[in-house]
Amino acid sequence: MKTVTLALSFLFVSLVAMAQESTGTKITVTIDNISNNEGKVLAGLHTEDTFMKGPGVQNQESKIENGKVVLTFTNVAPGTYAILALHDANENNRMDYEANGMPKESYGMSGNDMSYGPPSFTASKFEVGNEDLELSIRF
């Protein structure tokens, strides 16, 4: 009886673990115009509530190789999101600014809006459904 109970317990745990493995969508982001290989790239997946207000709902970082990085956000629930990315050249985990308030480090966002002023969620947003996505961001 102990063997049957133990076997059923393992079966239940296995089924629960497999059910949790493949939920959500995968978003692959490529940035291939980084000016140099110094530092790292930080990227955040944001909802409208977190956009420009702190960490995203998911955050990634990657070392730069040959002026390029590929970042992957996994298990993303359907909804409306935007991605902000920063070339953190000095690896201090934040954006650095000139005395006049202009950014010292390169940055980009989904939608590749290159207008003057701070990024906007409206210009950067995209929809996530059940299909995996591939995005390219320019700095």
Protein backbone atom coordinates (compact mmCIF):
# COMPACT_ATOMS: atom_id res chain seq x y z
CA MET A 1 0.00 0.00 0.00
CA LYS A 2 2.88 2.37 0.78
CA THR A 3 4.33 1.74 -2.69
CA VAL A 4 1.05 2.59 -4.43
CA THR A 5 0.64 5.77 -2.37
CA LEU A 6 4.23 6.79 -3.08
CA ALA A 7 3.84 6.11 -6.81
CA LEU A 8 0.62 8.13 -6.99
CA SER A 9 2.28 10.98 -5.11
CA PHE A 10 5.16 11.09 -7.61
CA LEU A 11 2.70 10.98 -10.51
CA PHE A 12 0.71 13.91 -9.10
CA VAL A 13 3.85 16.01 -8.50
CA SER A 14 5.07 15.26 -12.04
CA LEU A 15 1.78 16.32 -13.59
CA VAL A 16 1.71 19.56 -11.64
CA ALA A 17 5.31 20.36 -12.59
CA MET A 18 4.69 19.67 -16.30
CA ALA A 19 1.54 21.80 -16.30
CA GLN A 20 3.50 24.79 -15.00
CA GLU A 21 6.37 24.51 -17.50
CA SER A 22 4.77 25.89 -20.64
CA THR A 23 2.49 28.72 -19.60
CA GLY A 24 2.70 32.11 -21.28
CA THR A 25 4.47 33.52 -24.27
CA LYS A 26 8.18 33.96 -25.03
CA ILE A 27 9.43 37.37 -26.21
CA THR A 28 12.90 37.46 -27.80
CA VAL A 29 14.48 40.91 -28.11
CA THR A 30 17.50 41.62 -30.33
CA ILE A 31 19.57 44.80 -30.09
CA ASP A 32 22.36 44.83 -32.68
CA ASN A 33 23.55 48.43 -32.99
CA ILE A 34 25.28 48.91 -29.63
CA SER A 35 28.21 51.34 -29.97
CA ASN A 36 30.73 49.24 -28.00
CA ASN A 37 31.06 46.12 -25.86
CA GLU A 38 31.62 47.99 -22.59
CA GLY A 39 29.23 47.26 -19.73
CA LYS A 40 25.94 45.46 -20.22
CA VAL A 41 22.41 45.96 -21.50
CA LEU A 42 19.52 46.15 -19.04
CA ALA A 43 15.95 45.60 -20.26
CA GLY A 44 12.58 45.63 -18.55
CA LEU A 45 9.22 44.32 -19.68
CA HIS A 46 6.63 46.84 -18.50
CA THR A 47 2.90 47.26 -18.17
CA GLU A 48 1.41 50.73 -18.30
CA ASP A 49 1.48 50.75 -14.48
CA THR A 50 5.26 50.11 -14.25
CA PHE A 51 6.45 52.03 -17.35
CA MET A 52 9.06 54.68 -16.38
CA LYS A 53 8.30 54.08 -12.68
CA GLY A 54 10.87 51.46 -11.67
CA PRO A 55 11.52 47.79 -12.36
CA GLY A 56 9.39 46.01 -14.92
CA VAL A 57 7.25 42.94 -14.43
CA GLN A 58 10.29 41.04 -15.77
CA ASN A 59 13.87 42.31 -16.03
CA GLN A 60 16.84 40.97 -17.98
CA GLU A 61 20.49 41.86 -18.42
CA SER A 62 23.13 40.67 -20.85
CA LYS A 63 26.79 41.17 -21.63
CA ILE A 64 27.42 42.67 -25.06
CA GLU A 65 29.23 40.67 -27.72
CA ASN A 66 30.20 42.25 -31.05
CA GLY A 67 27.77 45.12 -30.46
CA LYS A 68 24.79 42.81 -30.05
CA VAL A 69 22.61 41.24 -27.35
CA VAL A 70 19.66 38.86 -27.40
CA LEU A 71 17.34 38.88 -24.37
CA THR A 72 14.41 36.55 -23.72
CA PHE A 73 11.38 37.16 -21.53
CA THR A 74 9.53 33.91 -20.76
CA ASN A 75 6.10 32.95 -19.47
CA VAL A 76 4.57 36.33 -20.37
CA ALA A 77 0.81 36.44 -19.85
CA PRO A 78 -1.36 37.90 -22.65
CA GLY A 79 -1.74 41.66 -22.37
CA THR A 80 -0.30 45.03 -23.40
CA TYR A 81 3.40 45.62 -22.68
CA ALA A 82 6.37 47.82 -23.58
CA ILE A 83 10.09 47.14 -23.31
CA LEU A 84 12.71 49.67 -22.19
CA ALA A 85 16.40 48.89 -22.75
CA LEU A 86 19.55 50.69 -21.58
CA HIS A 87 23.25 50.34 -22.46
CA ASP A 88 24.68 50.51 -18.94
CA ALA A 89 28.27 51.18 -20.02
CA ASN A 90 29.63 51.72 -16.50
CA GLU A 91 27.54 48.90 -14.92
CA ASN A 92 26.04 51.03 -12.15
CA ASN A 93 22.53 49.63 -12.90
CA ARG A 94 20.97 53.01 -13.73
CA MET A 95 20.76 55.68 -16.43
CA ASP A 96 23.44 58.38 -16.20
CA TYR A 97 22.68 61.97 -17.26
CA GLU A 98 24.64 65.00 -18.47
CA ALA A 99 24.45 68.23 -16.45
CA ASN A 100 21.72 69.47 -18.83
CA GLY A 101 19.54 66.40 -18.17
CA MET A 102 20.29 64.56 -21.42
CA PRO A 103 21.11 60.83 -21.12
CA LYS A 104 24.81 59.89 -21.24
CA GLU A 105 24.07 56.26 -22.14
CA SER A 106 22.21 54.84 -25.13
CA TYR A 107 18.69 53.56 -24.67
CA GLY A 108 15.80 52.28 -26.74
CA MET A 109 12.28 50.93 -26.45
CA SER A 110 9.88 48.65 -28.25
CA GLY A 111 8.27 50.52 -31.12
CA ASN A 112 11.63 52.25 -31.72
CA ASP A 113 10.14 55.72 -31.18
CA MET A 114 12.99 58.19 -31.65
CA SER A 115 11.15 61.41 -30.75
CA TYR A 116 12.65 63.94 -28.37
CA GLY A 117 11.65 63.74 -24.76
CA PRO A 118 11.09 60.79 -22.46
CA PRO A 119 9.71 57.51 -23.84
CA SER A 120 5.94 57.05 -23.78
CA PHE A 121 4.00 53.87 -23.17
CA THR A 122 1.65 54.70 -26.05
CA ALA A 123 4.51 54.83 -28.60
CA SER A 124 6.21 51.72 -27.17
CA LYS A 125 3.31 49.35 -26.47
CA PHE A 126 2.62 46.04 -28.18
CA GLU A 127 0.14 43.22 -27.65
CA VAL A 128 1.07 39.78 -26.37
CA GLY A 129 -1.23 36.91 -27.23
CA ASN A 130 -0.51 33.18 -27.43
CA GLU A 131 2.18 33.38 -30.16
CA ASP A 132 5.87 33.86 -29.32
CA LEU A 133 7.23 37.25 -30.41
CA GLU A 134 10.54 38.49 -31.82
CA LEU A 135 11.31 42.20 -31.48
CA SER A 136 14.21 44.38 -32.54
CA ILE A 137 15.15 47.49 -30.58
CA ARG A 138 17.43 50.26 -31.88
CA PHE A 139 19.61 52.44 -29.69
